[in-house]
Amino acid sequence: MTHLMNNLEGEALQRLTEQRHEGLAITPEMEDLLAAAGIFWDEISEEYFSVDAVLVKVMRETVEKHSNYTNLDH
């Protein structure tokens, strides 16, 4: 289920990004709504991103880096 939500969110963020690149402006009210949902415009990458998605990625990478999987079976 989480994978499905991430795919839907990714597609929506991609559409928002494409619209912005095409010059379709988002109203300040819509920007506020996106910000309340944790979605922001990245000025460097020039794309919308979800803070939640970034945090999940960082947490997974941290667990993988600092977990000792070899000792779990022993």
N, C-alpha and C. Protein backbone atom coordinates (compact mmCIF):
# COMPACT_ATOMS: atom_id res chain seq x y z
N MET A 1 0.82 -1.19 0.00
CA MET A 1 0.00 0.00 0.00
C MET A 1 0.87 1.26 0.00
N THR A 2 1.93 1.26 0.81
CA THR A 2 2.81 2.41 0.85
C THR A 2 3.45 2.66 -0.50
N HIS A 3 3.83 1.56 -1.19
CA HIS A 3 4.44 1.69 -2.52
C HIS A 3 3.46 2.36 -3.48
N LEU A 4 2.19 1.98 -3.41
CA LEU A 4 1.17 2.58 -4.27
C LEU A 4 1.04 4.07 -3.98
N MET A 5 1.01 4.43 -2.72
CA MET A 5 0.90 5.85 -2.35
C MET A 5 2.11 6.63 -2.83
N ASN A 6 3.31 6.04 -2.69
CA ASN A 6 4.52 6.72 -3.15
C ASN A 6 4.48 6.93 -4.66
N ASN A 7 3.97 5.93 -5.41
CA ASN A 7 3.86 6.08 -6.86
C ASN A 7 2.88 7.19 -7.22
N LEU A 8 1.73 7.21 -6.56
CA LEU A 8 0.75 8.25 -6.83
C LEU A 8 1.30 9.63 -6.48
N GLU A 9 1.98 9.71 -5.35
CA GLU A 9 2.55 10.98 -4.94
C GLU A 9 3.62 11.41 -5.93
N GLY A 10 4.45 10.47 -6.36
CA GLY A 10 5.51 10.79 -7.33
C GLY A 10 4.94 11.29 -8.63
N GLU A 11 3.87 10.67 -9.11
CA GLU A 11 3.23 11.10 -10.34
C GLU A 11 2.63 12.50 -10.19
N ALA A 12 2.02 12.76 -9.06
CA ALA A 12 1.42 14.08 -8.83
C ALA A 12 2.51 15.15 -8.75
N LEU A 13 3.60 14.85 -8.08
CA LEU A 13 4.70 15.80 -7.99
C LEU A 13 5.31 16.05 -9.36
N GLN A 14 5.41 15.01 -10.17
CA GLN A 14 5.94 15.15 -11.52
C GLN A 14 5.04 16.06 -12.36
N ARG A 15 3.73 15.87 -12.25
CA ARG A 15 2.79 16.72 -12.99
C ARG A 15 2.89 18.19 -12.54
N LEU A 16 2.99 18.40 -11.23
CA LEU A 16 3.15 19.77 -10.72
C LEU A 16 4.43 20.40 -11.26
N THR A 17 5.51 19.62 -11.26
CA THR A 17 6.79 20.11 -11.76
C THR A 17 6.68 20.46 -13.25
N GLU A 18 6.07 19.58 -14.03
CA GLU A 18 5.90 19.84 -15.46
C GLU A 18 5.08 21.10 -15.70
N GLN A 19 4.02 21.27 -14.93
CA GLN A 19 3.19 22.46 -15.09
C GLN A 19 3.99 23.73 -14.80
N ARG A 20 4.81 23.66 -13.77
CA ARG A 20 5.62 24.85 -13.43
C ARG A 20 6.62 25.14 -14.54
N HIS A 21 7.22 24.09 -15.10
CA HIS A 21 8.16 24.28 -16.20
C HIS A 21 7.49 24.86 -17.43
N GLU A 22 6.21 24.55 -17.61
CA GLU A 22 5.43 25.06 -18.75
C GLU A 22 4.94 26.48 -18.50
N GLY A 23 5.23 27.02 -17.33
CA GLY A 23 4.85 28.39 -17.02
C GLY A 23 3.48 28.54 -16.40
N LEU A 24 2.84 27.44 -16.05
CA LEU A 24 1.54 27.52 -15.39
C LEU A 24 1.76 27.82 -13.92
N ALA A 25 1.35 28.99 -13.52
CA ALA A 25 1.59 29.44 -12.15
C ALA A 25 0.65 28.76 -11.16
N ILE A 26 1.18 28.49 -9.99
CA ILE A 26 0.39 27.97 -8.88
C ILE A 26 0.11 29.15 -7.95
N THR A 27 -1.11 29.27 -7.53
CA THR A 27 -1.49 30.40 -6.69
C THR A 27 -0.78 30.33 -5.33
N PRO A 28 -0.61 31.47 -4.69
CA PRO A 28 -0.01 31.46 -3.35
C PRO A 28 -0.79 30.57 -2.37
N GLU A 29 -2.11 30.52 -2.52
CA GLU A 29 -2.91 29.67 -1.65
C GLU A 29 -2.57 28.19 -1.87
N MET A 30 -2.35 27.83 -3.14
CA MET A 30 -1.99 26.45 -3.45
C MET A 30 -0.60 26.13 -2.92
N GLU A 31 0.34 27.06 -3.04
CA GLU A 31 1.68 26.88 -2.49
C GLU A 31 1.60 26.67 -0.98
N ASP A 32 0.74 27.43 -0.31
CA ASP A 32 0.56 27.28 1.14
C ASP A 32 -0.01 25.90 1.47
N LEU A 33 -0.96 25.45 0.67
CA LEU A 33 -1.56 24.13 0.87
C LEU A 33 -0.51 23.03 0.68
N LEU A 34 0.29 23.15 -0.37
CA LEU A 34 1.37 22.18 -0.61
C LEU A 34 2.36 22.18 0.55
N ALA A 35 2.74 23.36 1.00
CA ALA A 35 3.68 23.46 2.12
C ALA A 35 3.11 22.81 3.38
N ALA A 36 1.83 22.98 3.61
CA ALA A 36 1.19 22.36 4.77
C ALA A 36 1.24 20.84 4.67
N ALA A 37 1.26 20.33 3.42
CA ALA A 37 1.34 18.88 3.20
C ALA A 37 2.79 18.40 3.12
N GLY A 38 3.74 19.32 3.28
CA GLY A 38 5.15 18.94 3.25
C GLY A 38 5.72 18.83 1.84
N ILE A 39 5.15 19.58 0.91
CA ILE A 39 5.62 19.55 -0.47
C ILE A 39 6.15 20.93 -0.82
N PHE A 40 7.41 20.96 -1.31
CA PHE A 40 8.09 22.22 -1.56
C PHE A 40 8.77 22.21 -2.92
N TRP A 41 9.08 23.40 -3.43
CA TRP A 41 9.80 23.56 -4.68
C TRP A 41 11.29 23.61 -4.38
N ASP A 42 12.06 22.78 -5.06
CA ASP A 42 13.52 22.76 -4.93
C ASP A 42 14.09 23.68 -6.00
N GLU A 43 14.66 24.79 -5.58
CA GLU A 43 15.19 25.78 -6.52
C GLU A 43 16.38 25.25 -7.31
N ILE A 44 17.16 24.36 -6.71
CA ILE A 44 18.35 23.83 -7.38
C ILE A 44 17.96 22.79 -8.43
N SER A 45 17.18 21.80 -8.03
CA SER A 45 16.77 20.74 -8.95
C SER A 45 15.59 21.15 -9.82
N GLU A 46 14.96 22.26 -9.44
CA GLU A 46 13.78 22.77 -10.14
C GLU A 46 12.70 21.70 -10.26
N GLU A 47 12.31 21.18 -9.09
CA GLU A 47 11.23 20.20 -9.04
C GLU A 47 10.57 20.24 -7.67
N TYR A 48 9.34 19.78 -7.62
CA TYR A 48 8.66 19.65 -6.33
C TYR A 48 9.12 18.37 -5.66
N PHE A 49 9.19 18.40 -4.34
CA PHE A 49 9.57 17.21 -3.58
C PHE A 49 8.76 17.13 -2.30
N SER A 50 8.66 15.93 -1.78
CA SER A 50 7.94 15.67 -0.55
C SER A 50 8.94 15.47 0.59
N VAL A 51 8.80 16.24 1.63
CA VAL A 51 9.67 16.08 2.79
C VAL A 51 9.54 14.67 3.37
N ASP A 52 8.33 14.14 3.41
CA ASP A 52 8.11 12.79 3.92
C ASP A 52 8.90 11.76 3.12
N ALA A 53 8.90 11.88 1.80
CA ALA A 53 9.62 10.93 0.95
C ALA A 53 11.12 11.03 1.20
N VAL A 54 11.61 12.24 1.37
CA VAL A 54 13.04 12.43 1.65
C VAL A 54 13.40 11.80 3.00
N LEU A 55 12.57 12.01 4.01
CA LEU A 55 12.84 11.45 5.33
C LEU A 55 12.82 9.92 5.32
N VAL A 56 11.89 9.32 4.59
CA VAL A 56 11.83 7.86 4.49
C VAL A 56 13.11 7.34 3.84
N LYS A 57 13.55 8.00 2.78
CA LYS A 57 14.78 7.58 2.10
C LYS A 57 15.98 7.68 3.04
N VAL A 58 16.08 8.78 3.77
CA VAL A 58 17.20 8.97 4.70
C VAL A 58 17.17 7.92 5.80
N MET A 59 15.99 7.62 6.33
CA MET A 59 15.88 6.62 7.39
C MET A 59 16.28 5.24 6.88
N ARG A 60 15.82 4.87 5.69
CA ARG A 60 16.20 3.56 5.13
C ARG A 60 17.70 3.45 4.92
N GLU A 61 18.29 4.51 4.36
CA GLU A 61 19.73 4.50 4.12
C GLU A 61 20.50 4.42 5.44
N THR A 62 20.01 5.11 6.46
CA THR A 62 20.67 5.08 7.77
C THR A 62 20.60 3.70 8.38
N VAL A 63 19.44 3.07 8.32
CA VAL A 63 19.28 1.72 8.86
C VAL A 63 20.20 0.75 8.14
N GLU A 64 20.22 0.83 6.81
CA GLU A 64 21.08 -0.07 6.04
C GLU A 64 22.55 0.15 6.37
N LYS A 65 22.95 1.39 6.53
CA LYS A 65 24.35 1.71 6.79
C LYS A 65 24.79 1.27 8.19
N HIS A 66 23.92 1.41 9.17
CA HIS A 66 24.31 1.20 10.55
C HIS A 66 23.80 -0.10 11.17
N SER A 67 23.08 -0.90 10.40
CA SER A 67 22.61 -2.19 10.91
C SER A 67 23.63 -3.26 10.62
N ASN A 68 23.70 -4.22 11.51
CA ASN A 68 24.61 -5.34 11.32
C ASN A 68 23.76 -6.56 10.97
N TYR A 69 23.43 -6.69 9.69
CA TYR A 69 22.57 -7.78 9.23
C TYR A 69 23.20 -9.15 9.41
N THR A 70 24.52 -9.24 9.38
CA THR A 70 25.19 -10.53 9.44
C THR A 70 24.99 -11.22 10.78
N ASN A 71 24.78 -10.47 11.84
CA ASN A 71 24.63 -11.06 13.17
C ASN A 71 23.17 -11.34 13.55
N LEU A 72 22.23 -10.98 12.72
CA LEU A 72 20.83 -11.19 13.06
C LEU A 72 20.44 -12.65 13.09
N ASP A 73 21.06 -13.48 12.27
CA ASP A 73 20.71 -14.91 12.20
C ASP A 73 21.46 -15.75 13.22
N HIS A 74 22.40 -15.19 13.92
CA HIS A 74 23.22 -15.98 14.86
C HIS A 74 22.80 -15.78 16.28
